[in-house]
Amino acid sequence: SKYGIVNLFGGIMRYDSCCALGSQSIAYDIFKYFNNDEIKGIIINVDTPGGSVSAINPFIEVAKKKNKPIIALCDSTCSLGYWAVCELADYIIAENSITARFGSIGVVCTFQDATEANEQKGIKTHEIYADESEHKNLSFRLAKEGKYEMIKEEHLKPLAIKFQSAVKTARPQIINEIGVFTGKTFTAEKALQLKMIDAIGNIDDAIEMINVLNETKYNS
C-alpha cells in the first residue's frame, strides 16, 4: 500500500515564500492525493507554533473534498496548526511525549510603533485621511494610542470565536477545562486526557489507523 506524506512545519502562511510552502500549496498537495487511487491515506507530519489566520481557508476548503483517511502525526501543534489538523485530520496522534504540545487556541495581533524612534532621527510621518474616510484604519489608529478596545472587539474577538467554534465542531468530545479554549498549551499526555488528541504513537500507528478507517469510515 502507498500513503501520502505532507509536512506542516514552521510558521504557516497562506502563500509560498522562498523558504516554505504556503497553505495553498500544501492543500493542493493533499488534493492531489485525494485524486490518486494508489494512495490509501495521508499522514500529515506537524511541528508548528501557528501562523497567519488567512492560512486556514485552503485547509477548510480541501477538507470538504476529503475521500480518504488523514492522520496527523504531531510534535508541537499550536494555534493555527491545531486549527488546521482539527479541520483536516480524522485522527490526531502525538508522535512523542517530550516536546509535543497542543492548543494555544486563540488570536493575537502584534505590531511595532517606530514613530518615536523615527522622530528622534528627524523622520516625521504624516497620515492624512479624506473627510469621507473617518473610519479608515480607525481601530489601528486607536491601538497606536494604547486604546485596544475596538481592535479587540472588531478584529480579534470574531476570529477567536470562529477558532473556538471550529475546534468544538471538529472535536465535540473535547473537555472544556480551564485554558483549553482560551490559549493554554498542553503536553501530549494532558492533551490526550482532555481529548484534544486521540493517541500517542508513531508512524506505524498512523498507518494502522488509516487501514482501520478504510475498513470502517471510508469503506474502500
C-alpha atoms as a PDB file:
ATOM      1  CA  SER A   1       0.000   0.000   0.000  1.00  0.00           C
ATOM      2  CA  LYS A   2       1.037   3.593  -0.621  1.00  0.00           C
ATOM      3  CA  TYR A   3       0.470   6.511   1.716  1.00  0.00           C
ATOM      4  CA  GLY A   4       0.765  10.223   1.043  1.00  0.00           C
ATOM      5  CA  ILE A   5       3.046  12.330   3.231  1.00  0.00           C
ATOM      6  CA  VAL A   6       2.516  16.053   3.784  1.00  0.00           C
ATOM      7  CA  ASN A   7       4.603  18.284   6.051  1.00  0.00           C
ATOM      8  CA  LEU A   8       3.225  21.150   8.085  1.00  0.00           C
ATOM      9  CA  PHE A   9       6.349  22.662   9.591  1.00  0.00           C
ATOM     10  CA  GLY A  10       7.227  26.079  10.987  1.00  0.00           C
ATOM     11  CA  GLY A  11       5.108  29.209  10.769  1.00  0.00           C
ATOM     12  CA  ILE A  12       2.188  28.700   8.394  1.00  0.00           C
ATOM     13  CA  MET A  13       1.430  31.416   5.880  1.00  0.00           C
ATOM     14  CA  ARG A  14      -1.128  31.320   3.079  1.00  0.00           C
ATOM     15  CA  TYR A  15       1.309  31.888   0.218  1.00  0.00           C
ATOM     16  CA  ASP A  16       4.644  30.302  -0.639  1.00  0.00           C
ATOM     17  CA  SER A  17       7.852  32.025   0.363  1.00  0.00           C
ATOM     18  CA  CYS A  18      11.441  31.382  -0.617  1.00  0.00           C
ATOM     19  CA  CYS A  19      11.788  29.101   2.405  1.00  0.00           C
ATOM     20  CA  ALA A  20       8.451  27.334   2.840  1.00  0.00           C
ATOM     21  CA  LEU A  21       5.251  26.255   1.141  1.00  0.00           C
ATOM     22  CA  GLY A  22       2.124  28.179   1.986  1.00  0.00           C
ATOM     23  CA  SER A  23      -1.176  26.607   2.929  1.00  0.00           C
ATOM     24  CA  GLN A  24      -2.495  26.946  -0.628  1.00  0.00           C
ATOM     25  CA  SER A  25       0.291  24.704  -1.951  1.00  0.00           C
ATOM     26  CA  ILE A  26       0.022  22.265   0.950  1.00  0.00           C
ATOM     27  CA  ALA A  27      -3.737  21.983   0.447  1.00  0.00           C
ATOM     28  CA  TYR A  28      -3.180  21.348  -3.259  1.00  0.00           C
ATOM     29  CA  ASP A  29      -0.749  18.534  -2.445  1.00  0.00           C
ATOM     30  CA  ILE A  30      -3.423  16.986  -0.219  1.00  0.00           C
ATOM     31  CA  PHE A  31      -5.990  17.360  -3.021  1.00  0.00           C
ATOM     32  CA  LYS A  32      -3.685  15.557  -5.470  1.00  0.00           C
ATOM     33  CA  TYR A  33      -3.500  12.633  -3.052  1.00  0.00           C
ATOM     34  CA  PHE A  34      -7.312  12.567  -2.921  1.00  0.00           C
ATOM     35  CA  ASN A  35      -7.299  12.002  -6.677  1.00  0.00           C
ATOM     36  CA  ASN A  36      -4.619   9.307  -6.648  1.00  0.00           C
ATOM     37  CA  ASP A  37      -6.269   5.901  -6.300  1.00  0.00           C
ATOM     38  CA  GLU A  38      -2.962   4.290  -5.339  1.00  0.00           C
ATOM     39  CA  ILE A  39      -2.824   6.371  -2.152  1.00  0.00           C
ATOM     40  CA  LYS A  40      -4.710   4.706   0.694  1.00  0.00           C
ATOM     41  CA  GLY A  41      -4.455   7.597   3.107  1.00  0.00           C
ATOM     42  CA  ILE A  42      -2.470  10.675   4.075  1.00  0.00           C
ATOM     43  CA  ILE A  43      -0.149  11.314   7.004  1.00  0.00           C
ATOM     44  CA  ILE A  44       0.435  14.952   7.900  1.00  0.00           C
ATOM     45  CA  ASN A  45       3.654  15.499   9.838  1.00  0.00           C
ATOM     46  CA  VAL A  46       3.121  18.533  12.049  1.00  0.00           C
ATOM     47  CA  ASP A  47       5.523  20.719  14.007  1.00  0.00           C
ATOM     48  CA  THR A  48       4.349  24.321  14.083  1.00  0.00           C
ATOM     49  CA  PRO A  49       3.837  27.178  16.518  1.00  0.00           C
ATOM     50  CA  GLY A  50       0.962  28.506  14.400  1.00  0.00           C
ATOM     51  CA  GLY A  51       0.691  31.079  11.666  1.00  0.00           C
ATOM     52  CA  SER A  52      -1.447  33.628   9.891  1.00  0.00           C
ATOM     53  CA  VAL A  53      -5.223  33.289  10.242  1.00  0.00           C
ATOM     54  CA  SER A  54      -5.543  33.801   6.482  1.00  0.00           C
ATOM     55  CA  ALA A  55      -3.783  30.452   6.009  1.00  0.00           C
ATOM     56  CA  ILE A  56      -6.710  28.422   7.368  1.00  0.00           C
ATOM     57  CA  ASN A  57      -9.099  28.815   4.418  1.00  0.00           C
ATOM     58  CA  PRO A  58      -7.286  26.493   1.962  1.00  0.00           C
ATOM     59  CA  PHE A  59      -7.300  23.759   4.621  1.00  0.00           C
ATOM     60  CA  ILE A  60     -11.024  24.226   5.272  1.00  0.00           C
ATOM     61  CA  GLU A  61     -11.805  24.045   1.564  1.00  0.00           C
ATOM     62  CA  VAL A  62      -9.708  20.959   0.813  1.00  0.00           C
ATOM     63  CA  ALA A  63     -11.150  19.180   3.864  1.00  0.00           C
ATOM     64  CA  LYS A  64     -14.595  19.405   2.221  1.00  0.00           C
ATOM     65  CA  LYS A  65     -13.280  17.184  -0.599  1.00  0.00           C
ATOM     66  CA  LYS A  66     -11.758  14.518   1.659  1.00  0.00           C
ATOM     67  CA  ASN A  67     -12.331  10.997   0.354  1.00  0.00           C
ATOM     68  CA  LYS A  68      -9.727   9.016   2.298  1.00  0.00           C
ATOM     69  CA  PRO A  69      -8.255   8.992   5.799  1.00  0.00           C
ATOM     70  CA  ILE A  70      -5.971  11.747   7.039  1.00  0.00           C
ATOM     71  CA  ILE A  71      -3.892  11.161  10.151  1.00  0.00           C
ATOM     72  CA  ALA A  72      -1.987  13.988  11.844  1.00  0.00           C
ATOM     73  CA  LEU A  73       1.303  12.839  13.391  1.00  0.00           C
ATOM     74  CA  CYS A  74       2.308  15.698  15.618  1.00  0.00           C
ATOM     75  CA  ASP A  75       5.108  17.303  17.528  1.00  0.00           C
ATOM     76  CA  SER A  76       4.192  20.833  18.640  1.00  0.00           C
ATOM     77  CA  THR A  77       0.791  21.631  17.149  1.00  0.00           C
ATOM     78  CA  CYS A  78      -0.275  25.037  18.343  1.00  0.00           C
ATOM     79  CA  SER A  79      -2.596  27.855  17.387  1.00  0.00           C
ATOM     80  CA  LEU A  80      -3.302  27.813  13.626  1.00  0.00           C
ATOM     81  CA  GLY A  81      -1.543  24.427  13.400  1.00  0.00           C
ATOM     82  CA  TYR A  82      -4.049  22.910  15.804  1.00  0.00           C
ATOM     83  CA  TRP A  83      -6.943  24.538  13.940  1.00  0.00           C
ATOM     84  CA  ALA A  84      -5.617  23.069  10.695  1.00  0.00           C
ATOM     85  CA  VAL A  85      -5.344  19.489  11.974  1.00  0.00           C
ATOM     86  CA  CYS A  86      -8.805  19.748  13.519  1.00  0.00           C
ATOM     87  CA  GLU A  87     -10.160  20.674  10.084  1.00  0.00           C
ATOM     88  CA  LEU A  88      -8.158  18.058   8.163  1.00  0.00           C
ATOM     89  CA  ALA A  89      -7.476  15.007  10.294  1.00  0.00           C
ATOM     90  CA  ASP A  90      -9.673  12.061  11.183  1.00  0.00           C
ATOM     91  CA  TYR A  91      -7.265  11.130  13.952  1.00  0.00           C
ATOM     92  CA  ILE A  92      -4.586  13.133  15.799  1.00  0.00           C
ATOM     93  CA  ILE A  93      -1.519  11.349  17.181  1.00  0.00           C
ATOM     94  CA  ALA A  94       1.216  12.924  19.297  1.00  0.00           C
ATOM     95  CA  GLU A  95       4.453  11.450  17.985  1.00  0.00           C
ATOM     96  CA  ASN A  96       6.240  11.891  21.308  1.00  0.00           C
ATOM     97  CA  SER A  97       5.560  12.725  24.932  1.00  0.00           C
ATOM     98  CA  ILE A  98       8.549  15.036  25.394  1.00  0.00           C
ATOM     99  CA  THR A  99       8.277  18.097  23.159  1.00  0.00           C
ATOM    100  CA  ALA A 100       4.815  17.640  21.662  1.00  0.00           C
ATOM    101  CA  ARG A 101       2.373  20.301  22.813  1.00  0.00           C
ATOM    102  CA  PHE A 102      -1.156  21.127  21.736  1.00  0.00           C
ATOM    103  CA  GLY A 103      -3.518  24.066  21.997  1.00  0.00           C
ATOM    104  CA  SER A 104      -2.852  27.812  22.033  1.00  0.00           C
ATOM    105  CA  ILE A 105      -6.426  28.207  20.801  1.00  0.00           C
ATOM    106  CA  GLY A 106      -6.608  31.965  20.455  1.00  0.00           C
ATOM    107  CA  VAL A 107      -5.828  35.012  18.365  1.00  0.00           C
ATOM    108  CA  VAL A 108      -3.167  37.664  18.845  1.00  0.00           C
ATOM    109  CA  CYS A 109      -2.211  40.788  16.925  1.00  0.00           C
ATOM    110  CA  THR A 110       1.223  42.383  17.214  1.00  0.00           C
ATOM    111  CA  PHE A 111       2.740  45.454  15.621  1.00  0.00           C
ATOM    112  CA  GLN A 112       5.671  47.751  16.272  1.00  0.00           C
ATOM    113  CA  ASP A 113       5.279  51.504  16.533  1.00  0.00           C
ATOM    114  CA  ALA A 114       8.516  53.181  15.480  1.00  0.00           C
ATOM    115  CA  THR A 115       7.049  56.689  15.486  1.00  0.00           C
ATOM    116  CA  GLU A 116       9.070  57.952  18.438  1.00  0.00           C
ATOM    117  CA  ALA A 117      12.306  56.393  17.217  1.00  0.00           C
ATOM    118  CA  ASN A 118      11.805  57.893  13.761  1.00  0.00           C
ATOM    119  CA  GLU A 119      11.063  61.334  15.190  1.00  0.00           C
ATOM    120  CA  GLN A 120      14.328  61.195  17.119  1.00  0.00           C
ATOM    121  CA  LYS A 121      16.021  60.645  13.779  1.00  0.00           C
ATOM    122  CA  GLY A 122      14.217  63.603  12.283  1.00  0.00           C
ATOM    123  CA  ILE A 123      11.693  61.489  10.373  1.00  0.00           C
ATOM    124  CA  LYS A 124       8.128  62.771  10.663  1.00  0.00           C
ATOM    125  CA  THR A 125       5.277  60.634   9.275  1.00  0.00           C
ATOM    126  CA  HIS A 126       2.022  62.305   8.219  1.00  0.00           C
ATOM    127  CA  GLU A 127      -1.239  60.381   7.781  1.00  0.00           C
ATOM    128  CA  ILE A 128      -3.963  62.379   6.078  1.00  0.00           C
ATOM    129  CA  TYR A 129      -7.428  60.915   5.637  1.00  0.00           C
ATOM    130  CA  ALA A 130     -10.236  62.201   3.469  1.00  0.00           C
ATOM    131  CA  ASP A 131     -13.130  63.678   5.404  1.00  0.00           C
ATOM    132  CA  GLU A 132     -15.242  60.880   3.944  1.00  0.00           C
ATOM    133  CA  SER A 133     -12.855  58.226   5.358  1.00  0.00           C
ATOM    134  CA  GLU A 134     -13.154  58.832   9.080  1.00  0.00           C
ATOM    135  CA  HIS A 135     -13.321  55.098   9.935  1.00  0.00           C
ATOM    136  CA  LYS A 136     -10.429  54.002   7.707  1.00  0.00           C
ATOM    137  CA  ASN A 137      -7.787  52.255   9.874  1.00  0.00           C
ATOM    138  CA  LEU A 138      -9.566  53.619  12.943  1.00  0.00           C
ATOM    139  CA  SER A 139      -9.077  50.529  15.099  1.00  0.00           C
ATOM    140  CA  PHE A 140      -5.372  50.501  14.241  1.00  0.00           C
ATOM    141  CA  ARG A 141      -5.002  54.236  14.863  1.00  0.00           C
ATOM    142  CA  LEU A 142      -6.644  53.879  18.266  1.00  0.00           C
ATOM    143  CA  ALA A 143      -4.420  50.902  19.072  1.00  0.00           C
ATOM    144  CA  LYS A 144      -1.365  53.076  18.403  1.00  0.00           C
ATOM    145  CA  GLU A 145      -2.709  55.356  21.124  1.00  0.00           C
ATOM    146  CA  GLY A 146      -2.986  52.424  23.524  1.00  0.00           C
ATOM    147  CA  LYS A 147      -6.769  52.131  23.053  1.00  0.00           C
ATOM    148  CA  TYR A 148      -7.225  48.453  22.182  1.00  0.00           C
ATOM    149  CA  GLU A 149     -10.974  48.013  22.686  1.00  0.00           C
ATOM    150  CA  MET A 150     -12.010  48.458  19.044  1.00  0.00           C
ATOM    151  CA  ILE A 151      -9.322  46.248  17.530  1.00  0.00           C
ATOM    152  CA  LYS A 152     -10.146  43.511  20.039  1.00  0.00           C
ATOM    153  CA  GLU A 153     -13.898  43.760  19.529  1.00  0.00           C
ATOM    154  CA  GLU A 154     -13.976  44.149  15.743  1.00  0.00           C
ATOM    155  CA  HIS A 155     -10.963  42.106  14.647  1.00  0.00           C
ATOM    156  CA  LEU A 156      -9.636  39.709  17.279  1.00  0.00           C
ATOM    157  CA  LYS A 157     -12.818  38.578  19.038  1.00  0.00           C
ATOM    158  CA  PRO A 158     -14.665  37.388  15.878  1.00  0.00           C
ATOM    159  CA  LEU A 159     -11.628  35.351  14.791  1.00  0.00           C
ATOM    160  CA  ALA A 160     -11.187  33.844  18.258  1.00  0.00           C
ATOM    161  CA  ILE A 161     -14.844  32.795  18.332  1.00  0.00           C
ATOM    162  CA  LYS A 162     -14.559  31.190  14.879  1.00  0.00           C
ATOM    163  CA  PHE A 163     -11.432  29.315  16.015  1.00  0.00           C
ATOM    164  CA  GLN A 164     -13.164  28.029  19.149  1.00  0.00           C
ATOM    165  CA  SER A 165     -16.260  27.034  17.180  1.00  0.00           C
ATOM    166  CA  ALA A 166     -14.234  25.143  14.567  1.00  0.00           C
ATOM    167  CA  VAL A 167     -12.455  23.096  17.229  1.00  0.00           C
ATOM    168  CA  LYS A 168     -15.700  22.330  19.073  1.00  0.00           C
ATOM    169  CA  THR A 169     -17.324  21.197  15.814  1.00  0.00           C
ATOM    170  CA  ALA A 170     -14.385  19.020  14.795  1.00  0.00           C
ATOM    171  CA  ARG A 171     -13.854  17.535  18.258  1.00  0.00           C
ATOM    172  CA  PRO A 172     -17.168  17.606  20.169  1.00  0.00           C
ATOM    173  CA  GLN A 173     -15.692  15.212  22.732  1.00  0.00           C
ATOM    174  CA  ILE A 174     -13.095  17.749  23.886  1.00  0.00           C
ATOM    175  CA  ILE A 175     -13.129  18.507  27.612  1.00  0.00           C
ATOM    176  CA  ASN A 176     -13.531  22.214  28.295  1.00  0.00           C
ATOM    177  CA  GLU A 177     -11.069  22.538  31.152  1.00  0.00           C
ATOM    178  CA  ILE A 178      -9.731  25.961  32.117  1.00  0.00           C
ATOM    179  CA  GLY A 179      -7.460  27.197  29.354  1.00  0.00           C
ATOM    180  CA  VAL A 180      -8.436  24.725  26.627  1.00  0.00           C
ATOM    181  CA  PHE A 181     -10.310  27.332  24.581  1.00  0.00           C
ATOM    182  CA  THR A 182      -8.534  30.384  25.936  1.00  0.00           C
ATOM    183  CA  GLY A 183      -4.967  29.892  24.797  1.00  0.00           C
ATOM    184  CA  LYS A 184      -3.144  27.447  27.092  1.00  0.00           C
ATOM    185  CA  THR A 185      -0.941  24.727  25.640  1.00  0.00           C
ATOM    186  CA  PHE A 186      -0.785  21.184  26.955  1.00  0.00           C
ATOM    187  CA  THR A 187       1.613  18.245  26.956  1.00  0.00           C
ATOM    188  CA  ALA A 188       0.762  15.173  24.905  1.00  0.00           C
ATOM    189  CA  GLU A 189      -0.413  13.273  27.989  1.00  0.00           C
ATOM    190  CA  LYS A 190      -2.650  16.117  29.162  1.00  0.00           C
ATOM    191  CA  ALA A 191      -3.980  16.757  25.648  1.00  0.00           C
ATOM    192  CA  LEU A 192      -4.927  13.074  25.458  1.00  0.00           C
ATOM    193  CA  GLN A 193      -6.762  13.300  28.786  1.00  0.00           C
ATOM    194  CA  LEU A 194      -8.620  16.371  27.517  1.00  0.00           C
ATOM    195  CA  LYS A 195      -9.434  14.577  24.234  1.00  0.00           C
ATOM    196  CA  MET A 196      -7.657  17.254  22.226  1.00  0.00           C
ATOM    197  CA  ILE A 197      -5.815  14.373  20.542  1.00  0.00           C
ATOM    198  CA  ASP A 198      -6.607  10.704  20.026  1.00  0.00           C
ATOM    199  CA  ALA A 199      -3.372   8.871  20.835  1.00  0.00           C
ATOM    200  CA  ILE A 200       0.355   8.997  21.483  1.00  0.00           C
ATOM    201  CA  GLY A 201       2.206   6.867  18.960  1.00  0.00           C
ATOM    202  CA  ASN A 202       4.320   6.730  15.822  1.00  0.00           C
ATOM    203  CA  ILE A 203       4.077   6.349  12.062  1.00  0.00           C
ATOM    204  CA  ASP A 204       3.187   2.648  12.359  1.00  0.00           C
ATOM    205  CA  ASP A 205       0.170   3.618  14.456  1.00  0.00           C
ATOM    206  CA  ALA A 206      -0.770   6.210  11.844  1.00  0.00           C
ATOM    207  CA  ILE A 207      -0.650   3.612   9.059  1.00  0.00           C
ATOM    208  CA  GLU A 208      -2.656   1.151  11.136  1.00  0.00           C
ATOM    209  CA  MET A 209      -5.330   3.791  11.738  1.00  0.00           C
ATOM    210  CA  ILE A 210      -5.504   4.564   8.017  1.00  0.00           C
ATOM    211  CA  ASN A 211      -6.211   0.885   7.373  1.00  0.00           C
ATOM    212  CA  VAL A 212      -8.840   0.787  10.120  1.00  0.00           C
ATOM    213  CA  LEU A 213     -10.600   3.871   8.772  1.00  0.00           C
ATOM    214  CA  ASN A 214     -10.559   2.475   5.246  1.00  0.00           C
ATOM    215  CA  GLU A 215     -12.411  -0.584   6.518  1.00  0.00           C
ATOM    216  CA  THR A 216     -14.919   1.427   8.517  1.00  0.00           C
ATOM    217  CA  LYS A 217     -15.467   5.127   7.859  1.00  0.00           C
ATOM    218  CA  TYR A 218     -14.343   5.206   4.229  1.00  0.00           C
ATOM    219  CA  ASN A 219     -15.208   1.612   3.347  1.00  0.00           C
ATOM    220  CA  SER A 220     -12.779   1.444   0.432  1.00  0.00           C
END
